[in-house]
N, C-alpha and C. Protein backbone atom coordinates (compact mmCIF):
# COMPACT_ATOMS: atom_id res chain seq x y z
N MET A 1 5.99 57.06 61.43
CA MET A 1 7.16 58.23 60.80
C MET A 1 7.73 56.75 59.99
N SER A 2 8.22 57.23 58.46
CA SER A 2 8.74 56.25 57.87
C SER A 2 10.28 56.51 57.79
N ASN A 3 10.95 54.98 57.74
CA ASN A 3 12.22 54.82 57.74
C ASN A 3 12.68 55.47 56.44
N ARG A 4 12.12 55.56 55.83
CA ARG A 4 12.58 55.41 54.47
C ARG A 4 13.51 56.88 53.97
N PRO A 5 14.63 56.80 53.06
CA PRO A 5 15.02 58.24 53.27
C PRO A 5 14.14 59.00 52.30
N GLY A 6 15.07 60.72 51.98
CA GLY A 6 14.56 61.58 51.32
C GLY A 6 14.83 60.90 49.96
N PRO A 7 14.33 62.29 48.89
CA PRO A 7 14.97 61.98 47.15
C PRO A 7 16.30 62.23 47.51
N LEU A 8 16.57 61.46 46.70
CA LEU A 8 18.08 61.24 45.80
C LEU A 8 18.20 62.33 44.59
N LEU A 9 19.51 63.04 44.28
CA LEU A 9 20.11 63.58 43.10
C LEU A 9 20.66 61.94 42.44
N VAL A 10 20.46 61.62 41.59
CA VAL A 10 21.39 60.83 41.15
C VAL A 10 22.22 61.17 39.74
N ILE A 11 23.31 61.39 39.86
CA ILE A 11 24.37 61.78 38.82
C ILE A 11 24.72 60.74 37.74
N GLY A 12 23.98 60.35 36.84
CA GLY A 12 24.57 59.00 36.26
C GLY A 12 23.59 58.48 35.91
N SER A 13 23.72 56.81 35.55
CA SER A 13 22.83 55.98 35.17
C SER A 13 21.09 56.20 35.94
N THR A 14 20.25 56.62 35.41
CA THR A 14 18.64 56.86 36.45
C THR A 14 18.20 55.47 35.66
N GLY A 15 18.84 54.31 34.96
CA GLY A 15 18.13 53.10 34.91
C GLY A 15 18.51 51.77 36.06
N THR A 16 17.99 52.35 37.65
CA THR A 16 18.28 51.41 38.74
C THR A 16 16.91 51.31 39.13
N THR A 17 17.16 50.45 40.10
CA THR A 17 15.60 50.17 40.82
C THR A 17 16.01 50.90 42.34
N GLY A 18 15.02 51.27 43.21
CA GLY A 18 15.04 51.82 44.32
C GLY A 18 16.97 52.52 44.43
N ARG A 19 17.06 52.15 45.80
CA ARG A 19 18.61 53.02 46.11
C ARG A 19 19.71 52.49 45.16
N ARG A 20 19.77 51.12 44.81
CA ARG A 20 20.94 50.84 43.85
C ARG A 20 20.86 51.87 42.72
N THR A 21 22.50 51.73 42.70
CA THR A 21 23.31 52.35 41.62
C THR A 21 24.15 51.52 40.58
N ALA A 22 24.52 52.00 39.61
CA ALA A 22 25.69 51.72 39.28
C ALA A 22 26.87 51.91 39.56
N PRO A 23 27.82 51.41 39.37
CA PRO A 23 28.99 51.38 40.24
C PRO A 23 30.06 52.43 39.55
N GLY A 24 30.16 53.83 40.40
CA GLY A 24 31.06 54.92 40.12
C GLY A 24 29.71 55.83 39.71
N VAL A 25 28.37 55.84 40.28
CA VAL A 25 27.53 56.75 40.42
C VAL A 25 27.35 57.25 41.49
N ALA A 26 27.56 58.72 41.40
CA ALA A 26 27.28 59.57 42.75
C ALA A 26 25.97 59.58 43.00
N THR A 27 25.14 59.71 44.39
CA THR A 27 23.87 60.12 44.75
C THR A 27 24.14 60.68 46.15
N ILE A 28 23.34 61.96 45.95
CA ILE A 28 23.84 62.73 46.66
C ILE A 28 21.67 62.73 47.11
N PRO A 29 22.04 62.65 48.93
CA PRO A 29 20.33 63.21 49.28
C PRO A 29 20.05 64.36 49.82
N VAL A 30 18.83 64.77 48.57
CA VAL A 30 18.24 66.13 48.45
C VAL A 30 17.15 66.17 49.86
N ALA A 31 16.68 67.28 50.04
CA ALA A 31 15.09 67.49 50.87
C ALA A 31 14.55 67.60 49.89
N ARG A 32 13.38 66.87 50.39
CA ARG A 32 11.63 66.34 49.47
C ARG A 32 11.40 67.76 48.80
N ARG A 33 11.25 68.57 49.39
CA ARG A 33 10.54 70.28 48.80
C ARG A 33 12.07 70.78 47.85
N THR A 34 13.30 70.31 47.76
CA THR A 34 14.04 71.03 46.88
C THR A 34 14.15 70.20 45.73
N ALA A 35 13.60 68.33 45.98
CA ALA A 35 13.52 68.13 44.62
C ALA A 35 12.15 68.45 43.72
N ASN A 36 10.93 68.55 44.20
CA ASN A 36 10.00 68.54 44.04
C ASN A 36 9.61 69.98 43.30
N LEU A 37 10.35 70.68 44.08
CA LEU A 37 10.49 72.38 43.30
C LEU A 37 11.21 72.12 42.35
N GLN A 38 12.07 72.02 41.68
CA GLN A 38 13.12 72.28 40.40
C GLN A 38 12.15 71.97 39.87
N ALA A 39 12.16 72.96 38.79
CA ALA A 39 11.81 73.38 37.42
C ALA A 39 12.34 72.50 36.28
N PRO A 40 11.24 71.59 35.09
CA PRO A 40 11.95 71.41 34.05
C PRO A 40 12.59 72.30 33.46
N ARG A 41 13.08 71.75 32.40
CA ARG A 41 13.98 73.07 31.89
C ARG A 41 13.27 73.64 31.24
N LEU A 42 12.34 72.83 30.09
CA LEU A 42 11.15 73.41 28.88
C LEU A 42 10.35 74.86 29.96
N VAL A 43 10.28 74.68 31.30
CA VAL A 43 9.61 75.60 32.02
C VAL A 43 10.45 77.00 32.34
N THR A 44 11.99 76.36 32.48
CA THR A 44 12.83 77.71 32.99
C THR A 44 13.15 78.20 31.55
N ALA A 45 13.35 77.14 30.03
CA ALA A 45 13.56 77.93 29.44
C ALA A 45 12.36 79.13 28.59
N THR A 46 11.14 78.49 28.98
CA THR A 46 9.84 79.38 28.80
C THR A 46 9.77 80.62 29.25
N LEU A 47 10.11 80.72 30.88
CA LEU A 47 9.92 81.71 31.92
C LEU A 47 11.62 82.73 31.14
N PHE A 48 12.44 81.80 30.58
CA PHE A 48 13.40 82.87 30.52
C PHE A 48 13.01 83.65 28.97
N VAL A 49 12.53 83.02 28.10
CA VAL A 49 12.37 83.95 27.14
C VAL A 49 11.27 84.76 27.21
N ALA A 50 10.07 84.40 28.00
CA ALA A 50 8.98 85.26 28.00
C ALA A 50 9.52 86.02 28.91
N GLY A 51 10.23 86.06 29.71
CA GLY A 51 10.77 87.00 30.85
C GLY A 51 11.22 88.28 30.22
N LEU A 52 12.17 87.65 29.13
CA LEU A 52 13.09 89.00 28.38
C LEU A 52 12.30 89.23 27.23
N VAL A 53 11.33 88.56 26.73
CA VAL A 53 10.25 89.26 25.94
C VAL A 53 9.56 90.58 26.84
N LEU A 54 9.74 90.33 27.60
CA LEU A 54 8.57 91.28 28.31
C LEU A 54 9.37 92.92 28.64
N LEU A 55 10.53 92.24 28.65
CA LEU A 55 11.47 93.23 29.83
C LEU A 55 12.19 94.01 28.45
N GLY A 56 11.86 93.22 27.43
CA GLY A 56 12.25 94.53 26.54
C GLY A 56 11.25 95.17 25.67
N ILE A 57 10.40 94.70 25.30
CA ILE A 57 9.28 95.48 25.01
C ILE A 57 8.84 96.52 25.84
N GLY A 58 8.17 96.03 27.46
CA GLY A 58 8.13 97.02 28.24
C GLY A 58 9.20 98.12 28.65
N GLY A 59 10.45 97.77 28.86
CA GLY A 59 11.69 98.90 28.81
C GLY A 59 11.69 99.55 27.39
N ALA A 60 11.63 99.12 25.92
CA ALA A 60 11.68 100.22 25.11
C ALA A 60 9.95 101.15 25.46
N SER A 61 9.20 100.67 25.53
CA SER A 61 8.08 101.51 25.33
C SER A 61 7.70 102.70 26.84
N LEU A 62 8.52 102.36 27.41
CA LEU A 62 8.94 102.93 28.88
C LEU A 62 9.60 104.29 28.43
N VAL A 63 10.50 104.08 28.34
CA VAL A 63 11.87 104.80 27.93
C VAL A 63 11.67 105.44 26.52
N ALA A 64 11.17 105.09 25.66
CA ALA A 64 11.54 105.58 24.15
C ALA A 64 10.10 105.26 23.07
N PRO A 65 8.67 105.46 23.90
CA PRO A 65 7.53 105.24 23.67
C PRO A 65 7.41 105.49 22.11
N VAL A 66 7.67 106.60 21.39
CA VAL A 66 7.62 107.18 20.55
C VAL A 66 8.12 106.62 19.30
N ALA A 67 9.63 106.33 19.37
CA ALA A 67 10.42 105.35 18.70
C ALA A 67 9.83 103.99 18.64
N PHE A 68 9.58 103.51 19.61
CA PHE A 68 9.13 101.96 20.09
C PHE A 68 7.89 101.45 18.90
N HIS A 69 7.00 102.22 18.75
CA HIS A 69 5.66 102.65 18.72
C HIS A 69 5.33 102.51 16.78
N ALA A 70 6.92 103.69 16.61
CA ALA A 70 6.92 104.06 15.37
C ALA A 70 7.28 102.87 14.61
N SER A 71 7.85 101.67 15.18
CA SER A 71 8.39 100.85 14.47
C SER A 71 7.41 99.74 13.89
N SER A 72 6.28 99.87 14.96
CA SER A 72 5.25 99.15 13.87
C SER A 72 4.12 100.38 13.57
N GLY A 73 4.48 101.01 13.03
CA GLY A 73 3.74 102.29 12.03
C GLY A 73 2.76 102.84 13.28
N ILE A 74 2.98 103.22 14.15
CA ILE A 74 2.07 103.78 14.83
C ILE A 74 2.61 104.96 15.36
N SER A 75 1.47 106.33 15.27
CA SER A 75 2.45 107.52 15.84
C SER A 75 1.98 108.11 17.08
N LEU A 76 2.75 107.96 17.78
CA LEU A 76 1.91 108.62 19.14
C LEU A 76 1.99 110.22 19.27
N GLY A 77 2.23 110.67 18.24
CA GLY A 77 2.37 112.10 18.41
C GLY A 77 3.24 112.97 19.60
N GLU A 78 2.41 114.68 19.63
CA GLU A 78 3.23 114.76 21.43
C GLU A 78 2.16 115.15 22.14
N SER A 79 1.20 114.16 21.85
CA SER A 79 0.20 114.11 23.27
C SER A 79 0.75 113.50 24.40
N ARG A 80 0.93 114.71 25.61
CA ARG A 80 1.65 114.02 26.99
C ARG A 80 0.91 113.00 27.42
N SER A 81 -0.91 112.78 27.35
CA SER A 81 -1.95 111.68 27.45
C SER A 81 -1.32 111.00 27.05
N LEU A 82 -1.56 110.49 25.78
CA LEU A 82 -1.39 109.33 24.89
C LEU A 82 0.21 108.43 25.43
N LEU A 83 1.56 109.77 25.35
CA LEU A 83 2.71 109.28 26.14
C LEU A 83 2.49 108.66 27.00
N SER A 84 1.82 109.40 27.93
CA SER A 84 1.39 108.67 29.62
C SER A 84 0.94 107.17 29.59
N GLU A 85 -0.25 106.85 28.47
CA GLU A 85 -0.51 105.64 28.90
C GLU A 85 0.41 104.76 28.16
N ALA A 86 1.32 104.74 26.88
CA ALA A 86 2.07 103.98 26.63
C ALA A 86 3.55 104.15 27.36
N ARG A 87 3.69 105.22 28.36
CA ARG A 87 4.39 104.72 29.32
C ARG A 87 4.10 103.90 30.40
N ALA A 88 3.12 104.03 30.89
CA ALA A 88 2.56 103.50 31.87
C ALA A 88 2.12 101.25 31.32
N ALA A 89 1.87 101.64 30.01
CA ALA A 89 1.57 100.12 29.70
C ALA A 89 3.36 99.33 29.81
N GLY A 90 3.86 100.24 29.42
CA GLY A 90 5.66 99.88 29.19
C GLY A 90 6.23 99.35 30.73
N GLY A 91 5.84 100.31 31.64
CA GLY A 91 6.28 99.95 33.28
C GLY A 91 5.66 98.38 33.52
N SER A 92 4.26 98.31 32.88
CA SER A 92 3.65 97.40 33.69
C SER A 92 3.91 95.79 32.86
N LEU A 93 4.39 95.70 31.52
CA LEU A 93 4.91 94.96 30.85
C LEU A 93 6.62 94.86 31.25
N LEU A 94 7.19 95.89 31.52
CA LEU A 94 8.85 95.56 32.08
C LEU A 94 8.69 94.89 33.89
N GLY A 95 7.38 95.63 34.68
CA GLY A 95 7.55 94.56 35.81
C GLY A 95 7.30 93.10 35.53
N ALA A 96 6.04 92.87 34.94
CA ALA A 96 5.82 91.61 34.50
C ALA A 96 6.81 90.96 33.99
N GLY A 97 7.40 91.17 33.24
CA GLY A 97 8.67 90.74 32.61
C GLY A 97 9.87 89.99 33.76
N ALA A 98 9.56 91.41 34.43
CA ALA A 98 10.92 90.77 35.44
C ALA A 98 10.22 89.85 36.56
N VAL A 99 9.39 89.52 36.54
CA VAL A 99 8.62 88.63 37.73
C VAL A 99 8.74 87.65 37.11
N ILE A 100 8.50 87.40 35.81
CA ILE A 100 8.53 86.31 35.11
C ILE A 100 10.01 85.97 34.87
N LEU A 101 10.83 86.53 34.65
CA LEU A 101 12.35 86.32 34.45
C LEU A 101 12.73 85.56 35.99
N LEU A 102 12.27 86.12 36.81
CA LEU A 102 12.95 85.67 38.04
C LEU A 102 12.56 84.20 38.52
N GLY A 103 10.97 83.81 37.74
CA GLY A 103 10.43 82.11 37.89
C GLY A 103 11.66 81.62 37.20
N ALA A 104 11.87 81.59 36.42
CA ALA A 104 13.10 81.50 35.40
C ALA A 104 14.17 80.50 36.82
N PHE A 105 14.77 81.25 37.29
CA PHE A 105 15.79 81.19 38.34
C PHE A 105 15.70 81.18 39.95
N VAL A 106 14.03 81.42 40.28
CA VAL A 106 13.78 81.10 41.58
C VAL A 106 12.65 80.14 41.44
N SER A 107 13.13 78.92 42.29
CA SER A 107 12.29 77.91 41.88
C SER A 107 10.49 77.96 42.52
N ARG A 108 10.96 78.47 43.83
CA ARG A 108 9.22 79.00 44.45
C ARG A 108 8.81 79.87 43.92
N LEU A 109 9.23 80.97 42.92
CA LEU A 109 8.37 81.79 41.84
C LEU A 109 7.75 81.32 40.19
N ALA A 110 8.63 80.23 40.14
CA ALA A 110 7.80 79.86 38.70
C ALA A 110 6.71 79.45 38.28
N PHE A 111 5.60 78.93 39.55
CA PHE A 111 4.14 78.93 39.45
C PHE A 111 3.31 80.28 38.98
N THR A 112 4.14 81.11 40.32
CA THR A 112 3.38 82.64 40.11
C THR A 112 4.04 83.34 38.75
N ALA A 113 5.21 82.69 38.05
CA ALA A 113 5.79 83.32 37.17
C ALA A 113 4.82 82.90 36.08
N SER A 114 4.46 81.17 36.24
CA SER A 114 3.81 80.65 34.58
C SER A 114 2.31 81.19 34.65
N VAL A 115 1.94 81.33 35.47
CA VAL A 115 0.30 82.42 35.68
C VAL A 115 0.55 83.26 35.03
N LEU A 116 1.61 84.72 35.34
CA LEU A 116 1.53 85.91 34.96
C LEU A 116 1.96 85.56 33.70
N GLY A 117 2.51 84.64 33.02
CA GLY A 117 3.25 84.80 31.41
C GLY A 117 1.89 84.40 30.59
N ALA A 118 1.57 83.71 31.14
CA ALA A 118 0.09 82.85 30.79
C ALA A 118 -0.84 83.84 30.48
N VAL A 119 -1.58 84.42 31.85
CA VAL A 119 -2.46 85.60 31.78
C VAL A 119 -1.96 86.81 30.52
N MET A 120 -0.17 87.60 30.68
CA MET A 120 -0.07 88.49 29.94
C MET A 120 0.21 88.24 28.16
N TYR A 121 0.39 86.82 28.32
CA TYR A 121 0.63 86.96 26.88
C TYR A 121 -0.66 86.16 26.13
N VAL A 122 -1.03 85.02 26.90
CA VAL A 122 -2.64 84.98 25.70
C VAL A 122 -3.32 86.55 25.64
N SER A 123 -3.82 86.85 27.17
CA SER A 123 -4.74 87.99 26.83
C SER A 123 -4.53 88.71 26.06
N TYR A 124 -3.19 89.29 25.55
CA TYR A 124 -2.94 90.47 24.81
C TYR A 124 -2.77 90.07 23.45
N GLY A 125 -2.52 88.43 22.89
CA GLY A 125 -2.72 87.36 22.00
C GLY A 125 -4.05 88.07 21.58
N LEU A 126 -5.09 86.92 22.78
CA LEU A 126 -6.24 87.11 22.08
C LEU A 126 -7.20 88.38 22.26
N SER A 127 -6.78 89.47 22.55
CA SER A 127 -7.27 90.70 22.29
C SER A 127 -6.78 91.35 21.01
N ARG A 128 -5.43 91.14 20.38
CA ARG A 128 -4.92 91.32 19.12
C ARG A 128 -6.00 90.79 18.04
N LEU A 129 -6.45 88.87 18.22
CA LEU A 129 -6.97 88.54 17.34
C LEU A 129 -8.61 89.44 17.21
N LEU A 130 -9.16 89.50 18.39
CA LEU A 130 -10.48 90.51 17.94
C LEU A 130 -10.27 91.73 17.67
N GLY A 131 -9.18 92.40 17.55
CA GLY A 131 -8.87 93.67 17.06
C GLY A 131 -8.55 93.55 15.59
N MET A 132 -8.13 92.60 15.34
CA MET A 132 -7.92 92.41 13.81
C MET A 132 -9.25 91.68 13.15
N ALA A 133 -10.04 90.71 13.77
CA ALA A 133 -11.79 90.74 13.45
C ALA A 133 -12.51 92.06 13.51
N VAL A 134 -12.48 93.04 14.30
CA VAL A 134 -13.19 93.95 14.32
C VAL A 134 -12.42 95.31 13.65
N ASP A 135 -11.35 95.37 13.50
CA ASP A 135 -10.99 96.40 12.99
C ASP A 135 -10.26 96.35 11.47
N GLY A 136 -9.52 95.09 11.32
CA GLY A 136 -9.21 95.02 10.39
C GLY A 136 -7.75 94.09 10.76
N ILE A 137 -6.89 93.82 9.36
CA ILE A 137 -5.56 93.66 10.30
C ILE A 137 -4.59 94.42 10.19
N PRO A 138 -3.93 94.73 11.11
CA PRO A 138 -2.83 95.92 11.18
C PRO A 138 -1.54 95.45 10.57
N ALA A 139 -0.47 96.44 10.99
CA ALA A 139 1.02 96.15 10.00
C ALA A 139 1.48 94.71 10.71
N GLN A 140 2.60 94.63 9.67
CA GLN A 140 3.21 92.90 9.72
C GLN A 140 3.63 92.75 11.02
N GLU A 141 4.10 94.18 11.57
CA GLU A 141 5.19 93.81 12.61
C GLU A 141 4.00 93.31 14.29
N LEU A 142 2.78 93.50 13.86
CA LEU A 142 1.73 93.57 15.17
C LEU A 142 0.79 92.43 14.47
N VAL A 143 1.10 91.48 13.48
CA VAL A 143 0.56 90.31 13.38
C VAL A 143 1.51 89.51 13.83
N LEU A 144 2.62 89.65 13.74
CA LEU A 144 4.20 88.44 14.03
C LEU A 144 3.98 88.63 15.46
N ALA A 145 3.14 89.80 16.10
CA ALA A 145 3.63 89.95 17.99
C ALA A 145 2.47 89.23 18.02
N THR A 146 1.08 89.10 17.61
CA THR A 146 0.22 88.16 17.82
C THR A 146 0.94 87.01 17.95
N ALA A 147 1.08 86.63 17.08
CA ALA A 147 1.73 85.18 16.57
C ALA A 147 2.69 84.97 17.74
N VAL A 148 3.15 85.85 18.31
CA VAL A 148 4.87 85.37 18.94
C VAL A 148 3.95 85.29 20.73
N GLU A 149 2.88 86.00 20.71
CA GLU A 149 2.28 85.98 22.01
C GLU A 149 1.21 84.89 22.60
N LEU A 150 1.02 84.71 21.21
CA LEU A 150 0.03 83.33 21.34
C LEU A 150 0.80 81.89 21.70
N ILE A 151 2.19 81.70 20.88
CA ILE A 151 2.72 80.65 21.15
C ILE A 151 3.11 81.01 22.47
N LEU A 152 4.10 82.23 23.01
CA LEU A 152 4.74 82.25 24.32
C LEU A 152 3.40 82.09 25.41
N GLY A 153 2.11 82.67 25.50
CA GLY A 153 1.18 82.51 26.01
C GLY A 153 1.28 80.86 26.25
N LEU A 154 1.19 79.85 25.13
CA LEU A 154 0.37 78.72 25.11
C LEU A 154 1.86 78.03 26.21
N LEU A 155 2.67 78.56 26.11
CA LEU A 155 3.90 77.76 26.34
C LEU A 155 3.98 77.88 28.08
N CYS A 156 3.35 79.18 28.09
CA CYS A 156 3.04 79.61 29.82
C CYS A 156 1.96 78.58 30.59
N VAL A 157 1.15 78.22 29.67
CA VAL A 157 0.13 77.58 29.76
C VAL A 157 0.77 75.89 30.15
N ALA A 158 1.52 75.58 29.07
CA ALA A 158 2.32 74.34 29.14
C ALA A 158 2.81 74.32 30.78
N ALA A 159 3.38 75.01 30.49
CA ALA A 159 4.31 75.16 31.91
C ALA A 159 3.81 74.90 33.27
N LEU A 160 2.33 75.61 33.52
CA LEU A 160 1.30 75.71 34.46
C LEU A 160 0.80 74.13 34.38
N ALA A 161 0.82 73.24 33.30
CA ALA A 161 0.20 72.06 33.37
C ALA A 161 1.08 71.06 34.06
N THR A 162 2.70 71.51 33.71
CA THR A 162 3.89 70.58 34.16
C THR A 162 3.24 70.84 35.88
N HIS A 163 3.80 72.46 36.15
CA HIS A 163 3.18 72.35 37.65
C HIS A 163 2.11 71.43 38.28
N HIS A 164 1.01 71.46 37.34
CA HIS A 164 -0.49 70.78 38.34
C HIS A 164 0.46 69.61 38.16
N ARG A 165 0.79 68.70 37.35
CA ARG A 165 0.95 67.62 37.30
C ARG A 165 2.01 66.74 38.43
N ARG A 166 3.34 67.74 38.27
CA ARG A 166 4.64 67.33 39.57
C ARG A 166 4.09 67.88 40.72
N ALA A 167 2.81 68.84 40.78
CA ALA A 167 2.37 69.11 42.35
C ALA A 167 1.34 67.55 42.49
N GLY A 168 0.81 67.36 41.69
CA GLY A 168 -0.15 65.74 42.05
C GLY A 168 0.66 64.92 42.08
N ALA A 169 1.68 64.75 41.53
CA ALA A 169 2.74 63.61 41.85
C ALA A 169 3.64 63.83 43.08
N ALA A 170 3.83 64.79 43.49
CA ALA A 170 4.23 64.86 44.85
C ALA A 170 3.74 65.00 45.72
N THR A 171 2.27 65.01 45.73
CA THR A 171 1.27 64.50 46.99
C THR A 171 1.15 63.23 46.57
N ARG A 172 0.73 62.41 45.81
CA ARG A 172 0.84 61.20 45.56
C ARG A 172 1.98 59.93 46.37
N VAL A 173 3.53 60.74 45.88
CA VAL A 173 4.21 60.06 46.69
C VAL A 173 4.66 60.56 48.19
N GLU A 174 4.07 61.27 48.46
CA GLU A 174 4.08 62.02 49.82
C GLU A 174 2.44 61.06 50.50
N ALA A 175 2.08 60.52 50.11
CA ALA A 175 0.94 60.21 50.34
C ALA A 175 1.14 58.74 50.69
N THR A 176 1.84 57.80 50.42
CA THR A 176 2.69 56.63 49.62
C THR A 176 3.57 56.79 50.90
N ARG A 177 4.04 57.49 51.09
CA ARG A 177 5.27 57.79 52.49
C ARG A 177 4.55 57.90 53.53
N GLY A 178 3.51 58.41 53.79
CA GLY A 178 3.04 58.95 55.23
C GLY A 178 2.61 57.41 55.85
């Protein structure tokens, strides 16, 4: 068993070595698990924006599919089957958005939210690119949606890489303490 204390939350100068701090700097012991799970601000911001976007799109497609799709030049008509498909996709996006948004606030969900965000946004963006290659260029709003989806997808992939790096660093720290 190690005599070393757990990680510290340091408020003030971080340019110190060991447990010594500059005069007037407060240190608060925190649990190792808490210190290792706190998501960096970029991950939190990415998950927050990615979740809000999916909540908005999913909610609009679920509640008002005709109006939502018409804003991109898509006519759903009055086909109950097509409306059902649009609402189902909207509900799915709404649910995924809720999980991703929660990951911005609940640190233990951040990894899962990053995976879900990466899968949702990258798959949508790449599918739209395939559609452009096969079917031609759609309305300008959908081209913009493609760019936003790919950017948010890549940011979610970067969040995953951050989780991977932090998990590896935490494992190495635990191994040196043991």
